Protein backbone atom coordinates (compact mmCIF):
# COMPACT_ATOMS: atom_id res chain seq x y z
CA ILE A 1 29.85 180.90 84.32
CA VAL A 2 27.98 178.15 86.20
CA ARG A 3 24.52 179.28 87.18
CA GLY A 4 21.80 177.85 89.42
CA HIS A 5 24.19 177.13 92.33
CA LYS A 6 25.10 173.85 90.67
CA LEU A 7 28.58 173.71 92.17
CA GLN A 8 27.24 174.29 95.69
CA LEU A 9 24.62 171.62 95.15
CA ASN A 10 27.26 169.21 93.93
CA ARG A 11 29.24 169.83 97.13
CA GLU A 12 26.14 169.20 99.25
CA VAL A 13 25.46 165.89 97.50
CA ALA A 14 29.10 164.82 97.97
CA ALA A 15 29.05 165.92 101.63
CA GLN A 16 26.12 163.59 102.34
CA ALA A 17 27.96 160.78 100.61
CA VAL A 18 30.94 161.43 102.91
CA ARG A 19 28.61 161.47 105.91
CA GLN A 20 27.14 158.15 104.84
CA ALA A 21 30.61 156.63 104.41
CA GLU A 22 31.62 157.88 107.86
CA SER A 23 28.56 156.21 109.40
CA LEU A 24 29.34 152.94 107.66
CA TYR A 25 32.91 153.20 108.95
CA ALA A 26 31.58 153.73 112.48
CA ALA A 27 29.33 150.68 112.07
CA GLN A 28 32.28 148.54 111.01
CA GLU A 29 34.33 149.84 113.92
CA GLN A 30 31.54 148.88 116.32
CA ARG A 31 31.36 145.41 114.77
CA VAL A 32 35.05 144.91 115.58
CA LEU A 33 34.57 146.07 119.18
CA THR A 34 31.55 143.80 119.64
CA ASP A 35 33.43 140.83 118.19
CA VAL A 36 36.33 141.44 120.57
CA ARG A 37 33.93 141.40 123.52
CA LEU A 38 32.22 138.26 122.18
CA GLY A 39 35.58 136.61 121.74
CA TYR A 40 36.60 137.56 125.25
CA TYR A 41 33.54 135.93 126.78
CA ASP A 42 34.00 132.97 124.48
CA VAL A 43 37.47 132.47 125.96
CA LEU A 44 36.12 132.89 129.51
CA VAL A 45 33.47 130.21 128.92
CA ALA A 46 36.08 127.82 127.50
CA GLN A 47 38.36 128.57 130.41
CA ARG A 48 35.63 127.88 132.94
CA ARG A 49 34.70 124.68 131.09
CA ILE A 50 38.26 123.40 131.54
CA GLN A 51 38.11 124.09 135.28
CA THR A 52 34.73 122.35 135.60
CA THR A 53 35.82 119.25 133.69
CA GLU A 54 38.93 119.06 135.84
CA ARG A 55 36.63 118.85 138.84
CA LEU A 56 34.54 116.19 137.12
CA VAL A 57 37.67 114.13 136.43
CA GLU A 58 38.57 114.32 140.11
CA ILE A 59 35.08 113.09 141.08
CA ALA A 60 35.28 110.19 138.59
CA GLU A 61 38.75 109.24 139.82
CA LYS A 62 37.53 109.18 143.38
CA ALA A 63 34.53 107.02 142.38
CA LEU A 64 36.86 104.58 140.63
CA GLU A 65 39.09 104.43 143.67
CA ILE A 66 36.13 103.67 145.92
CA THR A 67 34.76 100.94 143.64
CA GLU A 68 38.18 99.28 143.43
CA SER A 69 38.56 99.34 147.22
CA LEU A 70 35.08 97.87 147.66
CA LEU A 71 35.92 95.14 145.17
CA ALA A 72 39.18 94.42 147.02
CA ALA A 73 37.18 94.13 150.24
CA ARG A 74 34.72 91.82 148.44
CA GLU A 75 31.92 94.26 149.01
CA GLY A 76 31.69 95.50 145.44
CA ARG A 77 31.32 94.10 141.98
CA GLN A 78 33.59 94.02 138.98
CA VAL A 79 30.90 95.50 136.77
CA ASP A 80 30.86 98.62 139.00
CA VAL A 81 34.62 98.97 138.58
CA ASP A 82 34.20 98.70 134.83
CA ARG A 83 31.47 101.31 134.83
CA ALA A 84 33.55 103.62 137.00
CA ARG A 85 36.47 103.22 134.62
CA ILE A 86 34.25 104.04 131.64
CA GLU A 87 32.89 107.10 133.43
CA LEU A 88 36.43 108.28 134.14
CA GLN A 89 37.34 107.88 130.47
CA ARG A 90 34.26 109.90 129.48
CA THR A 91 35.14 112.76 131.79
CA ARG A 92 38.78 112.76 130.66
CA LEU A 93 37.52 112.97 127.05
CA MET A 94 35.31 115.92 128.05
CA HIS A 95 38.34 117.56 129.63
CA THR A 96 40.43 117.07 126.51
CA ASN A 97 37.68 118.49 124.33
CA ALA A 98 37.40 121.47 126.68
CA GLY A 99 41.09 122.13 126.12
CA ASN A 100 40.56 122.02 122.39
CA ASP A 101 37.61 124.42 122.70
CA TYR A 102 39.85 126.76 124.72
CA GLN A 103 42.51 126.77 122.00
CA ALA A 104 39.88 127.40 119.35
CA ALA A 105 38.33 130.28 121.33
CA TRP A 106 41.73 131.97 121.57
CA SER A 107 42.30 131.47 117.84
CA ARG A 108 38.97 133.13 117.06
CA LEU A 109 39.76 136.05 119.34
CA ALA A 110 43.21 136.43 117.81
CA ALA A 111 41.68 136.53 114.35
CA VAL A 112 39.37 139.42 115.36
CA LEU A 113 42.36 141.21 116.91
CA GLY A 114 44.30 140.78 113.70
CA VAL A 115 46.98 138.60 115.30
CA ARG A 116 48.11 135.55 113.36
CA CYS A 117 49.51 133.60 116.32
CA TYR A 118 48.71 134.23 119.96
CA ASP A 119 49.64 132.11 122.95
CA PRO A 120 46.67 131.61 125.29
CA VAL A 121 47.02 133.21 128.70
CA PRO A 122 44.66 133.00 131.71
CA LEU A 123 42.07 135.74 131.77
CA GLU A 124 40.38 137.26 134.80
CA ASP A 125 37.07 135.46 135.15
CA THR A 126 34.23 138.04 135.18
CA LEU A 127 31.43 135.69 134.22
CA GLU A 128 29.94 135.86 137.71
CA SER A 129 29.66 139.66 137.69
CA ILE A 130 26.10 140.92 137.54
CA ALA A 131 24.88 141.58 134.06
CA THR A 132 23.23 144.91 133.20
CA ASP A 133 19.45 145.00 133.51
CA ILE A 134 18.08 145.75 130.08
CA ASP A 135 14.71 147.41 129.56
CA PRO A 136 13.50 146.42 126.09
CA CYS A 137 11.59 149.60 125.19
CA SER A 138 14.18 152.16 126.28
CA THR A 139 17.05 150.08 124.94
CA LEU A 140 15.50 149.72 121.50
CA GLU A 141 14.88 153.46 121.40
CA GLU A 142 18.51 154.11 122.34
CA ILE A 143 19.63 151.79 119.55
CA PHE A 144 17.52 153.80 117.10
CA GLN A 145 19.17 157.00 118.33
CA ARG A 146 22.79 155.71 118.24
CA SER A 147 22.78 153.21 115.41
CA PRO A 148 25.35 154.10 112.69
CA GLU A 149 23.35 151.96 110.28
CA LEU A 150 20.39 154.29 110.73
CA ALA A 151 22.66 157.31 110.53
CA ALA A 152 23.88 156.09 107.14
CA ALA A 153 20.27 155.63 105.99
CA PHE A 154 19.40 159.21 107.04
CA ALA A 155 22.51 160.52 105.26
CA GLN A 156 21.32 158.75 102.13
CA VAL A 157 17.92 160.49 102.45
CA ASP A 158 19.62 163.90 102.77
CA GLN A 159 21.80 163.09 99.77
CA ALA A 160 18.72 162.21 97.74
CA ARG A 161 17.04 165.51 98.70
CA TRP A 162 20.06 167.50 97.61
CA ALA A 163 20.16 165.46 94.41
CA ILE A 164 16.57 166.57 93.63
CA ASP A 165 17.59 170.26 94.03
CA ARG A 166 20.56 169.54 91.76
CA ALA A 167 18.29 167.94 89.18
CA HIS A 168 16.00 171.00 89.23
CA ALA A 169 19.03 173.25 88.73
CA GLU A 170 20.28 171.25 85.73
CA PRO A 171 18.07 173.01 83.08
CA ILE A 172 19.37 176.44 84.16
CA PRO A 173 21.84 177.20 81.37
CA ASN A 174 25.44 178.12 82.03
CA ILE A 175 26.96 181.13 80.30
CA ASN A 176 30.08 180.75 78.15
CA VAL A 177 32.15 183.90 77.59
CA GLN A 178 34.94 184.01 74.99
CA MET A 179 37.07 186.97 74.00
CA VAL A 180 39.51 186.96 71.07
CA GLY A 181 42.12 189.62 70.25
CA GLN A 182 43.69 189.74 66.76
CA SER A 183 46.52 191.81 65.33
CA ASP A 184 46.93 192.08 61.52
CA ASN A 185 50.42 193.18 60.47
CA GLY A 186 49.39 193.40 56.80
CA THR A 187 46.83 196.11 57.42
CA ASN A 188 48.42 197.33 60.61
CA SER A 189 45.13 196.92 62.44
CA THR A 190 43.92 195.28 65.64
CA ASN A 191 40.56 193.62 66.11
CA ALA A 192 38.82 192.32 69.21
CA ASN A 193 35.86 189.99 69.44
CA LEU A 194 33.68 189.24 72.51
CA GLN A 195 31.37 186.24 72.28
CA VAL A 196 28.73 185.39 74.88
CA THR A 197 26.72 182.18 74.38
CA MET A 198 23.98 180.55 76.41
CA PRO A 199 21.96 177.47 75.43
CA ILE A 200 18.25 177.78 75.65
CA PRO A 201 16.59 174.59 77.06
CA TRP A 202 13.46 174.94 74.95
CA HIS A 203 12.23 171.36 75.33
CA ASP A 204 14.72 170.00 77.93
CA ARG A 205 13.58 170.61 81.52
CA ASN A 206 15.42 167.54 82.86
CA GLN A 207 12.12 165.87 83.65
CA GLY A 208 13.70 162.41 83.56
CA GLY A 209 16.54 163.38 85.91
CA ILE A 210 14.12 164.97 88.37
CA SER A 211 11.84 161.93 88.33
CA ALA A 212 14.84 159.60 88.92
CA ALA A 213 16.05 161.74 91.82
CA GLN A 214 12.53 161.77 93.37
CA ALA A 215 12.37 157.97 93.04
CA GLU A 216 15.74 157.67 94.78
CA LEU A 217 14.43 159.83 97.61
CA PHE A 218 11.33 157.67 97.94
CA ALA A 219 13.50 154.52 98.11
CA ALA A 220 15.85 156.10 100.66
CA GLU A 221 12.98 157.17 102.94
CA ASN A 222 11.52 153.68 102.79
CA ALA A 223 14.94 152.24 103.58
CA ILE A 224 14.85 154.03 106.93
CA GLY A 225 11.64 152.25 107.93
CA ARG A 226 13.00 148.94 106.70
CA MET A 227 16.21 149.46 108.70
CA GLN A 228 14.25 150.29 111.88
CA LEU A 229 12.16 147.12 111.49
CA HIS A 230 15.30 145.11 110.79
CA LEU A 231 16.93 146.46 113.95
CA GLN A 232 13.74 145.74 115.91
CA ARG A 233 13.74 142.13 114.72
CA ARG A 234 17.45 141.66 115.54
CA PHE A 235 16.90 143.23 118.97
CA ALA A 236 13.97 140.90 119.64
CA SER A 237 16.16 137.85 119.04
CA ALA A 238 19.02 139.22 121.14
CA TYR A 239 16.73 140.22 124.00
CA GLN A 240 15.07 136.80 123.95
CA ARG A 241 18.46 135.17 124.38
CA TYR A 242 19.31 137.66 127.14
CA ALA A 243 16.09 137.09 129.07
CA ASN A 244 16.23 133.29 128.80
CA ALA A 245 19.92 133.15 129.77
CA LYS A 246 19.42 135.54 132.69
CA ASN A 247 16.56 133.41 134.01
CA GLN A 248 18.66 130.26 133.64
CA VAL A 249 21.60 131.78 135.50
CA HIS A 250 19.29 132.88 138.35
CA GLN A 251 17.71 129.43 138.64
CA PHE A 252 21.08 127.75 138.68
CA LYS A 253 22.80 130.13 141.10
CA ARG A 254 20.11 131.15 143.60
CA PRO A 255 19.97 129.60 147.11
CA GLN A 256 18.44 126.10 146.89
CA GLY A 257 18.89 126.39 143.14
CA ILE A 258 19.97 123.77 140.65
CA LEU A 259 23.71 123.98 141.41
CA GLU A 260 23.29 123.78 145.14
CA ASN A 261 20.81 120.92 144.93
CA THR A 262 22.93 118.86 142.54
CA GLN A 263 26.01 119.40 144.71
CA SER A 264 24.10 118.30 147.83
CA ALA A 265 22.62 115.29 146.03
CA LEU A 266 26.03 114.20 144.79
CA ALA A 267 27.53 114.47 148.26
CA LEU A 268 24.74 112.38 149.79
CA VAL A 269 25.01 109.72 147.09
CA GLN A 270 28.80 109.59 147.43
CA SER A 271 28.48 109.05 151.18
CA GLY A 272 25.82 106.40 150.75
CA PHE A 273 27.89 104.61 148.10
CA GLU A 274 31.00 104.57 150.29
CA ALA A 275 28.88 103.10 153.10
CA GLY A 276 27.54 100.45 150.71
CA GLU A 277 23.96 101.70 151.00
CA ILE A 278 23.54 103.01 147.47
CA ALA A 279 24.17 101.27 144.14
CA TYR A 280 26.81 102.50 141.76
CA LEU A 281 24.20 103.29 139.06
CA ASP A 282 22.73 105.85 141.43
CA LEU A 283 26.21 107.37 141.86
CA ILE A 284 26.69 107.57 138.08
CA THR A 285 23.29 109.27 137.74
CA ALA A 286 24.22 111.82 140.46
CA GLN A 287 27.59 112.48 138.86
CA ARG A 288 26.13 113.04 135.41
CA THR A 289 23.40 115.28 136.79
CA TYR A 290 26.02 117.34 138.60
CA SER A 291 28.19 117.45 135.48
CA GLN A 292 25.32 118.46 133.19
CA ALA A 293 24.10 121.13 135.58
CA ASN A 294 27.54 122.78 135.88
CA LEU A 295 28.16 122.71 132.15
CA GLU A 296 24.69 124.10 131.41
CA TYR A 297 25.31 126.88 133.93
CA ILE A 298 28.53 127.83 132.13
CA GLU A 299 26.77 127.86 128.81
CA ALA A 300 24.02 130.03 130.25
CA LEU A 301 26.58 132.52 131.53
CA GLY A 302 28.22 132.64 128.12
CA GLU A 303 24.88 133.15 126.39
CA LEU A 304 23.93 135.90 128.82
CA TRP A 305 27.11 137.90 128.26
CA SER A 306 27.02 137.26 124.55
CA ALA A 307 23.52 138.77 124.34
CA VAL A 308 24.56 141.73 126.51
CA ALA A 309 27.61 142.41 124.36
CA GLU A 310 25.52 142.25 121.18
CA ILE A 311 22.84 144.61 122.55
CA GLU A 312 25.35 147.08 123.96
CA GLY A 313 27.17 146.89 120.65
CA LEU A 314 24.10 148.22 118.83
CA LEU A 315 23.43 144.75 117.33
CA LEU A 316 26.55 145.04 115.18
CA LYS A 317 28.87 142.03 114.96
CA ASP A 318 30.54 139.70 112.42
CA SER A 319 33.22 142.21 111.48
CA LEU A 320 35.15 139.67 109.40
CA ALA A 321 32.16 138.78 107.23
CA ALA A 322 31.74 140.32 103.77
CA ALA A 323 30.94 144.02 103.89
CA PRO A 324 27.19 144.75 103.47
């Protein structure tokens, strides 16, 4: 006969262990979802990079064509033709590398999806859609409320509390009942024996077990604070990336912003070069400025959506890494 509600306490301790395992499962599930979103935006960035480098190749081809026509008309120089040819080779190399990046992005996404081989297909480009405005204070509080990592830590605290109750119940002795019936054919008699035993914990109060359980509770309670600080630090890094990328995207995209100004400057320099009023070095400078601005804008868009996906995913990612 088990006394002291030991069996019930055992079930409570096991139930909290199940609850903790369920929270860790939910965390891993969220890591997979976040990684899929990150992989999706990674593919979109690579896809946009291919389109941009195609445009840069067209600009370089046109510049080479103009320099060759000017040289044929004896208004240009051979060195400008050589420079234009080098610039075209550079942009074609960028375009080839962009294609390789696109293939690699699809491979990474396929790995997260659990697909060994996956043929790349065009995706709907949603990079230009407006990102969610994120308030740092309310968002961090929401992460604290919804984080499965914190839920697992709280479950561990509850498990430790039930374990203390179980440790206190351990000294309560169980009762063993034994009954024996005996028939003696020699004497034609029947005997019965009832034995009830119960150990008396005279010196054993399970002090060591109780102290160990209390220490585990102390460690579990401190783990909650550590996890909250860890989440706060991870959120600070993700929000910094979000704020910086959002500011970059705005500065690039706004009216009279970087993209519009570089496009206008390139058009003016191209016209001046065709008219023989601007040197080819100025054209190269304008082309490279335009190229760099567009590629930086794409990277800023990717960084913005990456930070948003990480924050909305409760700061959980890297699902294919070793389990914590």
